[in-house]
Each structure stands twice: as structure tokens, then as C-alpha cells.
Amino acid sequence: MSKMIFVNLPVSDLPRAVAFYEAVGATKNPQFSDDTAACMVLSDTIHVMLLTHDKYRQFTSKKIVDAKTSSEVLICASADSRDEVDGLVKKAVGAGGSADPTPTQDFGFMYGRSYEDPDGHIWEVMWMDMAAAQSAMAQA
């Protein structure tokens, strides 16, 4: 069985967060969603749990950081092409996110950009030509 990852993110406005993640291609799984949490499916193995602050506090006694002013985590997802990287960032901006909170990375064999969701969580999107990357690593 493939391993699955569930990224848990505190959000200040659950309906706004759900709309944003749907706009960038996630699907809401109603089986694991209610008025305090939404399970957003990015792939068969990657899910994002959007949790209201009250719900998130049930899992930790630590202070919830403001992701717009403090870094909590950088999440990176792969893409199938450079165009898909650019397209996903464009979708994020169209849905109320911000483009490129970190510099674009273009190494020829690897291309990456990032976006911020409305709560300030940073997502990196990266495409890599594995054969070219292996060749570049072997030459280094």
C-alpha cells in the first residue's frame, strides 16, 4: 500500500480556504469534512486537512502562528511540466493567493515557483527532468 500524507493547516475562514483549494485543483472529500474541517484531496496519496483554529487547537497546545508573518512550513508538490507549474501559480493567484513569495528557480532541468494561499501558507510547485537532473548531478 502506498503511503499517504495528510498536511494539516489552520485556516481563519474555512469556506474561503475550501474555495481556494478547489480553484487550484483539489477536491473536497465530504466524508471527512464538516463545519470545522475540510479534507481536500490533491492526489490519491496527498490530502490537505483545512482546520478552523478551534479544531486545530485540539491537536496541539502550541500557539498557532500567523503564516503571513512567520514561517511554519514550506510544502512542495511536483508537477508534470514547466507549463503545469506556471498554470498552478496562475490558478492560485486567480483564486486569491499571491504569486512567488519565494524566488523562481530555473536550472534548466528543474523549474519551480511558489504561491501563498489566503492564510499565508506557502506552496512550492516543482518540475524536474529526472534524466537531465541525474546527468547534471553526475557531472558535479
C-alpha atoms as a PDB file:
ATOM      1  CA  MET A   1       0.000   0.000   0.000  1.00  0.00           C
ATOM      2  CA  SER A   2       1.267   3.475  -0.864  1.00  0.00           C
ATOM      3  CA  LYS A   3       2.000   5.833   1.983  1.00  0.00           C
ATOM      4  CA  MET A   4      -0.345   8.772   2.290  1.00  0.00           C
ATOM      5  CA  ILE A   5       0.373  12.248   3.606  1.00  0.00           C
ATOM      6  CA  PHE A   6      -2.150  14.486   5.333  1.00  0.00           C
ATOM      7  CA  VAL A   7      -0.985  18.092   5.647  1.00  0.00           C
ATOM      8  CA  ASN A   8      -2.936  19.798   8.443  1.00  0.00           C
ATOM      9  CA  LEU A   9      -3.288  23.571   8.057  1.00  0.00           C
ATOM     10  CA  PRO A  10      -5.023  26.026  10.378  1.00  0.00           C
ATOM     11  CA  VAL A  11      -7.256  28.434   8.447  1.00  0.00           C
ATOM     12  CA  SER A  12      -9.064  31.559   9.544  1.00  0.00           C
ATOM     13  CA  ASP A  13     -12.003  31.219   7.115  1.00  0.00           C
ATOM     14  CA  LEU A  14     -12.872  27.627   6.231  1.00  0.00           C
ATOM     15  CA  PRO A  15     -15.258  28.336   3.297  1.00  0.00           C
ATOM     16  CA  ARG A  16     -12.713  30.733   1.737  1.00  0.00           C
ATOM     17  CA  ALA A  17      -9.943  28.168   2.161  1.00  0.00           C
ATOM     18  CA  VAL A  18     -12.070  25.397   0.603  1.00  0.00           C
ATOM     19  CA  ALA A  19     -12.885  27.625  -2.385  1.00  0.00           C
ATOM     20  CA  PHE A  20      -9.193  28.458  -2.830  1.00  0.00           C
ATOM     21  CA  TYR A  21      -8.039  24.821  -2.764  1.00  0.00           C
ATOM     22  CA  GLU A  22     -10.831  23.781  -5.139  1.00  0.00           C
ATOM     23  CA  ALA A  23      -9.704  26.546  -7.521  1.00  0.00           C
ATOM     24  CA  VAL A  24      -6.159  25.147  -7.599  1.00  0.00           C
ATOM     25  CA  GLY A  25      -7.428  21.649  -8.385  1.00  0.00           C
ATOM     26  CA  ALA A  26      -8.187  19.931  -5.069  1.00  0.00           C
ATOM     27  CA  THR A  27     -11.426  18.044  -4.499  1.00  0.00           C
ATOM     28  CA  LYS A  28     -13.299  18.201  -1.201  1.00  0.00           C
ATOM     29  CA  ASN A  29     -13.950  14.814   0.393  1.00  0.00           C
ATOM     30  CA  PRO A  30     -17.262  15.287   2.232  1.00  0.00           C
ATOM     31  CA  GLN A  31     -16.748  12.048   4.192  1.00  0.00           C
ATOM     32  CA  PHE A  32     -14.009  13.757   6.224  1.00  0.00           C
ATOM     33  CA  SER A  33     -15.360  17.309   6.209  1.00  0.00           C
ATOM     34  CA  ASP A  34     -17.710  19.272   8.437  1.00  0.00           C
ATOM     35  CA  ASP A  35     -18.104  22.853   9.639  1.00  0.00           C
ATOM     36  CA  THR A  36     -14.725  22.686  11.465  1.00  0.00           C
ATOM     37  CA  ALA A  37     -12.585  20.841   8.923  1.00  0.00           C
ATOM     38  CA  ALA A  38     -12.354  20.038   5.233  1.00  0.00           C
ATOM     39  CA  CYS A  39     -10.379  17.221   3.658  1.00  0.00           C
ATOM     40  CA  MET A  40      -9.036  18.453   0.320  1.00  0.00           C
ATOM     41  CA  VAL A  41      -7.723  15.720  -1.973  1.00  0.00           C
ATOM     42  CA  LEU A  42      -4.739  16.687  -4.134  1.00  0.00           C
ATOM     43  CA  SER A  43      -3.993  13.143  -5.302  1.00  0.00           C
ATOM     44  CA  ASP A  44      -4.594   9.556  -4.239  1.00  0.00           C
ATOM     45  CA  THR A  45      -1.806   9.910  -1.698  1.00  0.00           C
ATOM     46  CA  ILE A  46      -1.814  13.613  -0.738  1.00  0.00           C
ATOM     47  CA  HIS A  47      -4.575  15.286   1.275  1.00  0.00           C
ATOM     48  CA  VAL A  48      -4.768  18.691   2.918  1.00  0.00           C
ATOM     49  CA  MET A  49      -6.817  18.958   6.083  1.00  0.00           C
ATOM     50  CA  LEU A  50      -8.056  22.527   6.439  1.00  0.00           C
ATOM     51  CA  LEU A  51      -8.892  23.080  10.095  1.00  0.00           C
ATOM     52  CA  THR A  52     -10.531  26.016  11.842  1.00  0.00           C
ATOM     53  CA  HIS A  53      -8.306  27.404  14.580  1.00  0.00           C
ATOM     54  CA  ASP A  54     -10.516  25.848  17.266  1.00  0.00           C
ATOM     55  CA  LYS A  55     -10.280  22.446  15.593  1.00  0.00           C
ATOM     56  CA  TYR A  56      -6.511  22.771  15.060  1.00  0.00           C
ATOM     57  CA  ARG A  57      -6.049  23.567  18.777  1.00  0.00           C
ATOM     58  CA  GLN A  58      -7.475  20.113  19.580  1.00  0.00           C
ATOM     59  CA  PHE A  59      -4.250  18.604  18.179  1.00  0.00           C
ATOM     60  CA  THR A  60      -1.645  20.882  19.772  1.00  0.00           C
ATOM     61  CA  SER A  61      -1.198  23.151  22.742  1.00  0.00           C
ATOM     62  CA  LYS A  62       1.319  25.261  20.796  1.00  0.00           C
ATOM     63  CA  LYS A  63       0.468  28.735  19.570  1.00  0.00           C
ATOM     64  CA  ILE A  64      -0.883  28.871  16.025  1.00  0.00           C
ATOM     65  CA  VAL A  65       1.448  31.076  14.039  1.00  0.00           C
ATOM     66  CA  ASP A  66       0.295  33.707  11.585  1.00  0.00           C
ATOM     67  CA  ALA A  67       1.662  32.228   8.353  1.00  0.00           C
ATOM     68  CA  LYS A  68       1.544  35.681   6.758  1.00  0.00           C
ATOM     69  CA  THR A  69       4.244  36.928   9.144  1.00  0.00           C
ATOM     70  CA  SER A  70       6.021  33.751  10.337  1.00  0.00           C
ATOM     71  CA  SER A  71       7.191  30.651   8.531  1.00  0.00           C
ATOM     72  CA  GLU A  72       5.646  27.440   9.769  1.00  0.00           C
ATOM     73  CA  VAL A  73       6.352  25.072   6.897  1.00  0.00           C
ATOM     74  CA  LEU A  74       7.151  25.034   3.185  1.00  0.00           C
ATOM     75  CA  ILE A  75       5.194  22.452   1.237  1.00  0.00           C
ATOM     76  CA  CYS A  76       6.450  21.324  -2.158  1.00  0.00           C
ATOM     77  CA  ALA A  77       4.434  19.388  -4.730  1.00  0.00           C
ATOM     78  CA  SER A  78       5.660  18.032  -8.035  1.00  0.00           C
ATOM     79  CA  ALA A  79       4.277  18.953 -11.445  1.00  0.00           C
ATOM     80  CA  ASP A  80       4.483  17.166 -14.785  1.00  0.00           C
ATOM     81  CA  SER A  81       5.800  20.150 -16.763  1.00  0.00           C
ATOM     82  CA  ARG A  82       7.014  23.739 -16.587  1.00  0.00           C
ATOM     83  CA  ASP A  83       3.651  24.792 -18.033  1.00  0.00           C
ATOM     84  CA  GLU A  84       1.834  22.987 -15.216  1.00  0.00           C
ATOM     85  CA  VAL A  85       3.984  24.868 -12.659  1.00  0.00           C
ATOM     86  CA  ASP A  86       3.072  28.216 -14.228  1.00  0.00           C
ATOM     87  CA  GLY A  87      -0.570  27.210 -14.632  1.00  0.00           C
ATOM     88  CA  LEU A  88      -0.954  26.236 -10.999  1.00  0.00           C
ATOM     89  CA  VAL A  89       0.561  29.517  -9.788  1.00  0.00           C
ATOM     90  CA  LYS A  90      -1.796  31.367 -12.144  1.00  0.00           C
ATOM     91  CA  LYS A  91      -4.795  29.453 -10.720  1.00  0.00           C
ATOM     92  CA  ALA A  92      -3.678  30.268  -7.182  1.00  0.00           C
ATOM     93  CA  VAL A  93      -3.456  33.987  -7.947  1.00  0.00           C
ATOM     94  CA  GLY A  94      -6.866  33.904  -9.639  1.00  0.00           C
ATOM     95  CA  ALA A  95      -8.325  32.294  -6.517  1.00  0.00           C
ATOM     96  CA  GLY A  96      -6.997  34.956  -4.148  1.00  0.00           C
ATOM     97  CA  GLY A  97      -3.487  33.714  -3.472  1.00  0.00           C
ATOM     98  CA  SER A  98      -0.187  35.500  -4.014  1.00  0.00           C
ATOM     99  CA  ALA A  99       2.422  34.521  -6.583  1.00  0.00           C
ATOM    100  CA  ASP A 100       6.082  33.867  -5.973  1.00  0.00           C
ATOM    101  CA  PRO A 101       6.628  34.614  -2.272  1.00  0.00           C
ATOM    102  CA  THR A 102       9.962  32.871  -2.861  1.00  0.00           C
ATOM    103  CA  PRO A 103      12.163  33.407  -5.934  1.00  0.00           C
ATOM    104  CA  THR A 104      11.526  31.363  -9.067  1.00  0.00           C
ATOM    105  CA  GLN A 105      14.093  28.600  -9.517  1.00  0.00           C
ATOM    106  CA  ASP A 106      15.138  27.744 -13.062  1.00  0.00           C
ATOM    107  CA  PHE A 107      18.066  25.383 -13.502  1.00  0.00           C
ATOM    108  CA  GLY A 108      17.042  24.111 -16.933  1.00  0.00           C
ATOM    109  CA  PHE A 109      16.462  20.539 -15.744  1.00  0.00           C
ATOM    110  CA  MET A 110      14.458  21.817 -12.744  1.00  0.00           C
ATOM    111  CA  TYR A 111      11.906  24.621 -12.575  1.00  0.00           C
ATOM    112  CA  GLY A 112       9.998  25.774  -9.553  1.00  0.00           C
ATOM    113  CA  ARG A 113       7.718  28.570  -8.422  1.00  0.00           C
ATOM    114  CA  SER A 114       5.604  29.159  -5.355  1.00  0.00           C
ATOM    115  CA  TYR A 115       2.335  30.654  -4.199  1.00  0.00           C
ATOM    116  CA  GLU A 116       0.735  31.618  -0.914  1.00  0.00           C
ATOM    117  CA  ASP A 117      -2.807  30.649  -0.022  1.00  0.00           C
ATOM    118  CA  PRO A 118      -5.094  33.278   1.578  1.00  0.00           C
ATOM    119  CA  ASP A 119      -3.881  32.268   5.065  1.00  0.00           C
ATOM    120  CA  GLY A 120      -0.211  32.708   4.101  1.00  0.00           C
ATOM    121  CA  HIS A 121       0.772  29.024   3.757  1.00  0.00           C
ATOM    122  CA  ILE A 122       3.486  28.717   1.104  1.00  0.00           C
ATOM    123  CA  TRP A 123       3.242  26.013  -1.533  1.00  0.00           C
ATOM    124  CA  GLU A 124       6.148  25.343  -3.877  1.00  0.00           C
ATOM    125  CA  VAL A 125       5.475  23.675  -7.219  1.00  0.00           C
ATOM    126  CA  MET A 126       8.400  21.980  -8.930  1.00  0.00           C
ATOM    127  CA  TRP A 127       9.025  20.211 -12.230  1.00  0.00           C
ATOM    128  CA  MET A 128      12.164  18.190 -12.846  1.00  0.00           C
ATOM    129  CA  ASP A 129      13.542  16.348 -15.870  1.00  0.00           C
ATOM    130  CA  MET A 130      14.914  13.375 -13.906  1.00  0.00           C
ATOM    131  CA  ALA A 131      17.303  12.186 -16.632  1.00  0.00           C
ATOM    132  CA  ALA A 132      18.807  15.658 -17.044  1.00  0.00           C
ATOM    133  CA  ALA A 133      18.974  16.103 -13.263  1.00  0.00           C
ATOM    134  CA  GLN A 134      20.849  12.805 -12.844  1.00  0.00           C
ATOM    135  CA  SER A 135      23.237  13.808 -15.602  1.00  0.00           C
ATOM    136  CA  ALA A 136      23.873  17.216 -14.002  1.00  0.00           C
ATOM    137  CA  MET A 137      24.464  15.590 -10.605  1.00  0.00           C
ATOM    138  CA  ALA A 138      26.910  13.092 -12.118  1.00  0.00           C
ATOM    139  CA  GLN A 139      28.893  15.929 -13.725  1.00  0.00           C
ATOM    140  CA  ALA A 140      29.064  17.945 -10.472  1.00  0.00           C
END
